[in-house]
Amino acid sequence: MLFTLHVVAIGTVIGVTAHFAFSLGKKDGLRIARREQELKTKKEDPPKIESQ
């Protein structure tokens, strides 16, 4: 019984840690992808010349 409790507790800690790390990685990945898209869009748009 005590062994089973330890196995469940360790599994829970590992699961929560993995979920937390995955969430942080996903946010960083989305941030990087958004930044790359902004840079790509900025390169494709030629500078606009305003007439006076």
Protein backbone atom coordinates (compact mmCIF):
# COMPACT_ATOMS: atom_id res chain seq x y z
CA MET A 1 0.00 0.00 0.00
CA LEU A 2 2.76 2.46 0.92
CA PHE A 3 4.71 1.56 -2.21
CA THR A 4 1.63 2.21 -4.37
CA LEU A 5 1.13 5.58 -2.69
CA HIS A 6 4.73 6.55 -3.47
CA VAL A 7 4.43 5.45 -7.09
CA VAL A 8 1.26 7.51 -7.53
CA ALA A 9 2.81 10.55 -5.81
CA ILE A 10 5.98 10.40 -7.92
CA GLY A 11 3.92 9.95 -11.09
CA THR A 12 1.82 12.97 -10.17
CA VAL A 13 4.90 15.14 -9.58
CA ILE A 14 6.39 14.06 -12.90
CA GLY A 15 3.10 14.72 -14.71
CA VAL A 16 2.63 18.18 -13.23
CA THR A 17 6.25 19.10 -13.96
CA ALA A 18 5.98 17.88 -17.56
CA HIS A 19 2.73 19.79 -18.09
CA PHE A 20 4.24 22.99 -16.67
CA ALA A 21 7.39 22.65 -18.81
CA PHE A 22 5.33 21.91 -21.94
CA SER A 23 3.16 24.96 -21.33
CA LEU A 24 6.20 27.21 -20.99
CA GLY A 25 7.76 25.74 -24.12
CA LYS A 26 4.56 26.17 -26.08
CA LYS A 27 4.31 29.83 -25.09
CA ASP A 28 7.92 30.44 -26.12
CA GLY A 29 7.34 28.61 -29.37
CA LEU A 30 4.27 30.68 -30.17
CA ARG A 31 6.11 33.88 -29.29
CA ILE A 32 9.02 32.97 -31.56
CA ALA A 33 6.70 31.96 -34.40
CA ARG A 34 4.77 35.23 -34.09
CA ARG A 35 8.03 37.23 -34.12
CA GLU A 36 9.30 35.39 -37.21
CA GLN A 37 5.99 36.05 -38.97
CA GLU A 38 6.24 39.77 -38.13
CA LEU A 39 9.78 39.92 -39.50
CA LYS A 40 8.74 38.06 -42.65
CA THR A 41 5.80 40.43 -43.20
CA LYS A 42 8.03 43.43 -42.61
CA LYS A 43 10.51 42.21 -45.26
CA GLU A 44 7.77 41.61 -47.84
CA ASP A 45 6.19 45.05 -47.48
CA PRO A 46 8.22 47.66 -49.37
CA PRO A 47 8.63 50.98 -47.61
CA LYS A 48 5.93 53.43 -48.59
CA ILE A 49 7.01 56.83 -49.88
CA GLU A 50 4.69 59.59 -48.88
CA SER A 51 4.30 62.40 -51.40
CA GLN A 52 4.28 65.99 -50.15
